[in-house]
């Protein structure tokens, strides 16, 4: 039984992916970077109860630092283990490997059970003020959330990793007298 955050994540994935119904229909996959951008924005807007921290991740443009939720990544893996979504490794034109996700038919059945109280916050997250759907795309070292309906673009904060200053002090253990100068 998926948790509230897993239900919301599965619903989010269902909005951007689709399995094929027959041999002629194409499968629609959501790229990991786009999904992570929506997950991050969902954390900021209190849609998800995860936290996040800067992490080095692979994107279509190479390795980047992004604010990633380890709890969200774990929920992705849990949904995959439950058979509710599939993952696909892709090679980019620059020979980097990225992942894309697609809801399964079993996942589509499960999404029908997701309560409206979990769907509404996700809908608010992915809808533009004009009512159009937001899409995430990588552009110029940034993740842009854009609406094709009204052409509005906003930059996701997923790449804004904070610098946290800290002070450290060397720890030198106290050695017994017998251990000093080679012992007695």
C-alpha atoms as a PDB file:
ATOM      1  CA  UNK A   1       0.000   0.000   0.000  1.00  0.00           C
ATOM      2  CA  UNK A   2       1.670   3.258  -1.097  1.00  0.00           C
ATOM      3  CA  UNK A   3       2.149   6.123   1.371  1.00  0.00           C
ATOM      4  CA  UNK A   4       0.688   9.600   0.822  1.00  0.00           C
ATOM      5  CA  UNK A   5       3.937  10.855  -0.740  1.00  0.00           C
ATOM      6  CA  UNK A   6       4.188   7.745  -2.925  1.00  0.00           C
ATOM      7  CA  UNK A   7       0.573   8.230  -4.085  1.00  0.00           C
ATOM      8  CA  UNK A   8       1.332  11.830  -4.999  1.00  0.00           C
ATOM      9  CA  UNK A   9       4.562  10.861  -6.749  1.00  0.00           C
ATOM     10  CA  UNK A  10       2.816   8.096  -8.698  1.00  0.00           C
ATOM     11  CA  UNK A  11       0.092  10.532  -9.739  1.00  0.00           C
ATOM     12  CA  UNK A  12       2.755  13.053 -10.813  1.00  0.00           C
ATOM     13  CA  UNK A  13       4.466  10.398 -12.936  1.00  0.00           C
ATOM     14  CA  UNK A  14       1.114   9.383 -14.437  1.00  0.00           C
ATOM     15  CA  UNK A  15       0.614  12.948 -15.707  1.00  0.00           C
ATOM     16  CA  UNK A  16       3.861  12.880 -17.715  1.00  0.00           C
ATOM     17  CA  UNK A  17       4.128   9.251 -18.863  1.00  0.00           C
ATOM     18  CA  UNK A  18       1.979   6.641 -20.535  1.00  0.00           C
ATOM     19  CA  UNK A  19       2.504   2.965 -21.352  1.00  0.00           C
ATOM     20  CA  UNK A  20       1.513   1.730 -24.794  1.00  0.00           C
ATOM     21  CA  UNK A  21      -1.886   0.115 -25.221  1.00  0.00           C
ATOM     22  CA  UNK A  22      -0.817  -1.797 -28.354  1.00  0.00           C
ATOM     23  CA  UNK A  23       2.211  -2.416 -30.566  1.00  0.00           C
ATOM     24  CA  UNK A  24       1.720   0.714 -32.682  1.00  0.00           C
ATOM     25  CA  UNK A  25       1.315   3.168 -29.810  1.00  0.00           C
ATOM     26  CA  UNK A  26       4.417   4.851 -28.440  1.00  0.00           C
ATOM     27  CA  UNK A  27       5.375   4.743 -24.784  1.00  0.00           C
ATOM     28  CA  UNK A  28       5.740   8.192 -23.206  1.00  0.00           C
ATOM     29  CA  UNK A  29       8.539   8.499 -20.621  1.00  0.00           C
ATOM     30  CA  UNK A  30       9.364  11.309 -18.204  1.00  0.00           C
ATOM     31  CA  UNK A  31      13.046  12.131 -17.828  1.00  0.00           C
ATOM     32  CA  UNK A  32      14.559  11.880 -14.379  1.00  0.00           C
ATOM     33  CA  UNK A  33      15.746  15.502 -14.337  1.00  0.00           C
ATOM     34  CA  UNK A  34      12.262  16.828 -15.143  1.00  0.00           C
ATOM     35  CA  UNK A  35      10.732  14.569 -12.502  1.00  0.00           C
ATOM     36  CA  UNK A  36      13.314  15.694  -9.936  1.00  0.00           C
ATOM     37  CA  UNK A  37      12.543  19.349 -10.730  1.00  0.00           C
ATOM     38  CA  UNK A  38       8.841  18.787 -10.028  1.00  0.00           C
ATOM     39  CA  UNK A  39       9.703  16.807  -6.900  1.00  0.00           C
ATOM     40  CA  UNK A  40      11.878  19.680  -5.650  1.00  0.00           C
ATOM     41  CA  UNK A  41       9.213  22.278  -6.437  1.00  0.00           C
ATOM     42  CA  UNK A  42       6.710  20.017  -4.678  1.00  0.00           C
ATOM     43  CA  UNK A  43       8.855  19.977  -1.546  1.00  0.00           C
ATOM     44  CA  UNK A  44       9.128  23.772  -1.580  1.00  0.00           C
ATOM     45  CA  UNK A  45       5.348  24.107  -2.046  1.00  0.00           C
ATOM     46  CA  UNK A  46       4.613  21.507   0.685  1.00  0.00           C
ATOM     47  CA  UNK A  47       3.126  18.951  -1.728  1.00  0.00           C
ATOM     48  CA  UNK A  48       5.653  16.367  -0.514  1.00  0.00           C
ATOM     49  CA  UNK A  49       6.901  15.915   3.045  1.00  0.00           C
ATOM     50  CA  UNK A  50      10.445  15.054   2.040  1.00  0.00           C
ATOM     51  CA  UNK A  51      13.569  17.102   2.603  1.00  0.00           C
ATOM     52  CA  UNK A  52      16.394  17.732   0.154  1.00  0.00           C
ATOM     53  CA  UNK A  53      20.118  18.345   0.022  1.00  0.00           C
ATOM     54  CA  UNK A  54      22.660  19.135  -2.704  1.00  0.00           C
ATOM     55  CA  UNK A  55      23.902  16.066  -4.546  1.00  0.00           C
ATOM     56  CA  UNK A  56      25.990  15.434  -7.630  1.00  0.00           C
ATOM     57  CA  UNK A  57      23.746  13.837 -10.284  1.00  0.00           C
ATOM     58  CA  UNK A  58      23.997  12.962 -13.954  1.00  0.00           C
ATOM     59  CA  UNK A  59      21.915  14.984 -16.415  1.00  0.00           C
ATOM     60  CA  UNK A  60      21.729  15.111 -20.203  1.00  0.00           C
ATOM     61  CA  UNK A  61      24.429  17.829 -20.067  1.00  0.00           C
ATOM     62  CA  UNK A  62      26.743  15.957 -17.695  1.00  0.00           C
ATOM     63  CA  UNK A  63      27.275  15.927 -13.954  1.00  0.00           C
ATOM     64  CA  UNK A  64      25.573  18.734 -12.010  1.00  0.00           C
ATOM     65  CA  UNK A  65      24.789  19.631  -8.426  1.00  0.00           C
ATOM     66  CA  UNK A  66      21.067  19.681  -7.677  1.00  0.00           C
ATOM     67  CA  UNK A  67      18.848  19.737  -4.614  1.00  0.00           C
ATOM     68  CA  UNK A  68      17.775  16.086  -4.459  1.00  0.00           C
ATOM     69  CA  UNK A  69      15.461  14.335  -2.020  1.00  0.00           C
ATOM     70  CA  UNK A  70      16.870  10.989  -0.921  1.00  0.00           C
ATOM     71  CA  UNK A  71      13.423  10.139   0.488  1.00  0.00           C
ATOM     72  CA  UNK A  72      11.908  10.917  -2.914  1.00  0.00           C
ATOM     73  CA  UNK A  73      14.513   8.759  -4.656  1.00  0.00           C
ATOM     74  CA  UNK A  74      13.679   5.953  -2.224  1.00  0.00           C
ATOM     75  CA  UNK A  75       9.969   6.342  -3.014  1.00  0.00           C
ATOM     76  CA  UNK A  76      10.772   6.045  -6.742  1.00  0.00           C
ATOM     77  CA  UNK A  77      12.563   2.770  -6.014  1.00  0.00           C
ATOM     78  CA  UNK A  78       9.660   1.574  -3.836  1.00  0.00           C
ATOM     79  CA  UNK A  79       7.158   2.303  -6.632  1.00  0.00           C
ATOM     80  CA  UNK A  80       9.363   0.371  -9.044  1.00  0.00           C
ATOM     81  CA  UNK A  81       9.558  -2.577  -6.637  1.00  0.00           C
ATOM     82  CA  UNK A  82       5.749  -2.553  -6.334  1.00  0.00           C
ATOM     83  CA  UNK A  83       5.552  -2.787 -10.144  1.00  0.00           C
ATOM     84  CA  UNK A  84       3.787   0.577 -10.436  1.00  0.00           C
ATOM     85  CA  UNK A  85       6.403   2.189 -12.675  1.00  0.00           C
ATOM     86  CA  UNK A  86       9.246   1.209 -14.984  1.00  0.00           C
ATOM     87  CA  UNK A  87      12.673   2.766 -15.526  1.00  0.00           C
ATOM     88  CA  UNK A  88      14.680   3.033 -18.722  1.00  0.00           C
ATOM     89  CA  UNK A  89      18.363   3.927 -19.083  1.00  0.00           C
ATOM     90  CA  UNK A  90      19.052   6.233 -22.025  1.00  0.00           C
ATOM     91  CA  UNK A  91      22.270   7.378 -23.632  1.00  0.00           C
ATOM     92  CA  UNK A  92      22.435  11.065 -24.571  1.00  0.00           C
ATOM     93  CA  UNK A  93      24.134  12.502 -27.631  1.00  0.00           C
ATOM     94  CA  UNK A  94      27.075  13.336 -25.355  1.00  0.00           C
ATOM     95  CA  UNK A  95      27.275   9.699 -24.220  1.00  0.00           C
ATOM     96  CA  UNK A  96      25.946  10.306 -20.717  1.00  0.00           C
ATOM     97  CA  UNK A  97      23.471   7.889 -19.199  1.00  0.00           C
ATOM     98  CA  UNK A  98      20.213   9.206 -17.822  1.00  0.00           C
ATOM     99  CA  UNK A  99      17.042   7.529 -16.573  1.00  0.00           C
ATOM    100  CA  UNK A 100      13.440   7.962 -17.651  1.00  0.00           C
ATOM    101  CA  UNK A 101      10.313   6.653 -15.922  1.00  0.00           C
ATOM    102  CA  UNK A 102       6.925   5.433 -17.088  1.00  0.00           C
ATOM    103  CA  UNK A 103       3.871   4.380 -15.142  1.00  0.00           C
ATOM    104  CA  UNK A 104       2.837   0.755 -15.697  1.00  0.00           C
ATOM    105  CA  UNK A 105      -0.673  -0.529 -16.355  1.00  0.00           C
ATOM    106  CA  UNK A 106      -0.726  -1.724 -12.750  1.00  0.00           C
ATOM    107  CA  UNK A 107       0.310   1.814 -11.750  1.00  0.00           C
ATOM    108  CA  UNK A 108      -2.537   3.279 -13.792  1.00  0.00           C
ATOM    109  CA  UNK A 109      -4.951   1.053 -11.876  1.00  0.00           C
ATOM    110  CA  UNK A 110      -3.408   2.214  -8.592  1.00  0.00           C
ATOM    111  CA  UNK A 111      -3.657   5.909  -9.615  1.00  0.00           C
ATOM    112  CA  UNK A 112      -7.430   5.495  -9.902  1.00  0.00           C
ATOM    113  CA  UNK A 113      -7.431   4.731  -6.158  1.00  0.00           C
ATOM    114  CA  UNK A 114      -5.435   7.871  -5.243  1.00  0.00           C
ATOM    115  CA  UNK A 115      -7.761  10.177  -3.274  1.00  0.00           C
ATOM    116  CA  UNK A 116      -8.647  13.612  -4.617  1.00  0.00           C
ATOM    117  CA  UNK A 117      -6.950  15.127  -1.550  1.00  0.00           C
ATOM    118  CA  UNK A 118      -3.656  13.779  -2.911  1.00  0.00           C
ATOM    119  CA  UNK A 119      -4.332  14.629  -6.566  1.00  0.00           C
ATOM    120  CA  UNK A 120      -5.326  18.274  -6.013  1.00  0.00           C
ATOM    121  CA  UNK A 121      -1.950  19.472  -4.613  1.00  0.00           C
ATOM    122  CA  UNK A 122      -0.111  17.749  -7.488  1.00  0.00           C
ATOM    123  CA  UNK A 123      -2.479  19.325 -10.032  1.00  0.00           C
ATOM    124  CA  UNK A 124      -1.765  22.738  -8.491  1.00  0.00           C
ATOM    125  CA  UNK A 125       1.966  22.022  -8.741  1.00  0.00           C
ATOM    126  CA  UNK A 126       1.959  21.171 -12.451  1.00  0.00           C
ATOM    127  CA  UNK A 127      -0.651  23.676 -13.670  1.00  0.00           C
ATOM    128  CA  UNK A 128       0.181  27.198 -14.782  1.00  0.00           C
ATOM    129  CA  UNK A 129      -1.897  30.142 -13.586  1.00  0.00           C
ATOM    130  CA  UNK A 130      -3.529  30.186 -17.056  1.00  0.00           C
ATOM    131  CA  UNK A 131      -4.614  26.553 -16.647  1.00  0.00           C
ATOM    132  CA  UNK A 132      -2.029  25.128 -19.037  1.00  0.00           C
ATOM    133  CA  UNK A 133       0.312  22.269 -18.175  1.00  0.00           C
ATOM    134  CA  UNK A 134       3.859  23.002 -17.033  1.00  0.00           C
ATOM    135  CA  UNK A 135       6.783  21.163 -18.605  1.00  0.00           C
ATOM    136  CA  UNK A 136      10.328  20.996 -17.271  1.00  0.00           C
ATOM    137  CA  UNK A 137      13.294  21.255 -19.616  1.00  0.00           C
ATOM    138  CA  UNK A 138      17.036  21.617 -19.244  1.00  0.00           C
ATOM    139  CA  UNK A 139      18.372  24.782 -20.823  1.00  0.00           C
ATOM    140  CA  UNK A 140      21.635  26.683 -20.325  1.00  0.00           C
ATOM    141  CA  UNK A 141      22.634  25.021 -17.049  1.00  0.00           C
ATOM    142  CA  UNK A 142      19.118  25.606 -15.648  1.00  0.00           C
ATOM    143  CA  UNK A 143      15.828  23.775 -15.346  1.00  0.00           C
ATOM    144  CA  UNK A 144      13.005  25.851 -16.798  1.00  0.00           C
ATOM    145  CA  UNK A 145       9.333  25.244 -16.020  1.00  0.00           C
ATOM    146  CA  UNK A 146       7.360  26.480 -18.991  1.00  0.00           C
ATOM    147  CA  UNK A 147       3.754  26.648 -20.107  1.00  0.00           C
ATOM    148  CA  UNK A 148       3.076  26.210 -23.817  1.00  0.00           C
ATOM    149  CA  UNK A 149      -0.389  27.790 -23.475  1.00  0.00           C
ATOM    150  CA  UNK A 150       0.711  31.236 -22.235  1.00  0.00           C
ATOM    151  CA  UNK A 151       4.486  30.984 -22.908  1.00  0.00           C
ATOM    152  CA  UNK A 152       5.292  31.776 -19.258  1.00  0.00           C
ATOM    153  CA  UNK A 153       8.689  30.495 -18.082  1.00  0.00           C
ATOM    154  CA  UNK A 154      10.064  30.232 -14.566  1.00  0.00           C
ATOM    155  CA  UNK A 155      13.363  28.862 -13.385  1.00  0.00           C
ATOM    156  CA  UNK A 156      13.255  25.958 -10.964  1.00  0.00           C
ATOM    157  CA  UNK A 157      15.288  26.354  -7.795  1.00  0.00           C
ATOM    158  CA  UNK A 158      16.596  22.792  -8.009  1.00  0.00           C
ATOM    159  CA  UNK A 159      20.031  24.018  -9.148  1.00  0.00           C
ATOM    160  CA  UNK A 160      20.308  26.665  -6.398  1.00  0.00           C
ATOM    161  CA  UNK A 161      22.464  24.737  -3.969  1.00  0.00           C
ATOM    162  CA  UNK A 162      23.188  26.675  -0.811  1.00  0.00           C
ATOM    163  CA  UNK A 163      26.695  27.177   0.475  1.00  0.00           C
ATOM    164  CA  UNK A 164      26.720  26.198   4.112  1.00  0.00           C
ATOM    165  CA  UNK A 165      29.664  27.486   6.068  1.00  0.00           C
ATOM    166  CA  UNK A 166      31.043  25.384   8.846  1.00  0.00           C
ATOM    167  CA  UNK A 167      33.995  25.354  11.179  1.00  0.00           C
ATOM    168  CA  UNK A 168      35.969  22.251  11.867  1.00  0.00           C
ATOM    169  CA  UNK A 169      38.669  21.508  14.367  1.00  0.00           C
ATOM    170  CA  UNK A 170      41.194  18.701  14.245  1.00  0.00           C
ATOM    171  CA  UNK A 171      40.672  15.893  16.722  1.00  0.00           C
ATOM    172  CA  UNK A 172      43.902  14.627  18.206  1.00  0.00           C
ATOM    173  CA  UNK A 173      43.371  11.690  20.529  1.00  0.00           C
ATOM    174  CA  UNK A 174      45.161  11.702  23.842  1.00  0.00           C
ATOM    175  CA  UNK A 175      47.727   8.904  23.892  1.00  0.00           C
ATOM    176  CA  UNK A 176      48.803   7.204  27.096  1.00  0.00           C
ATOM    177  CA  UNK A 177      52.394   7.872  28.173  1.00  0.00           C
ATOM    178  CA  UNK A 178      53.419   4.300  27.268  1.00  0.00           C
ATOM    179  CA  UNK A 179      52.369   4.863  23.648  1.00  0.00           C
ATOM    180  CA  UNK A 180      54.421   8.047  23.280  1.00  0.00           C
ATOM    181  CA  UNK A 181      57.940   7.850  21.838  1.00  0.00           C
ATOM    182  CA  UNK A 182      57.687   4.203  20.939  1.00  0.00           C
ATOM    183  CA  UNK A 183      56.446   2.975  24.323  1.00  0.00           C
ATOM    184  CA  UNK A 184      58.433   1.802  27.362  1.00  0.00           C
END
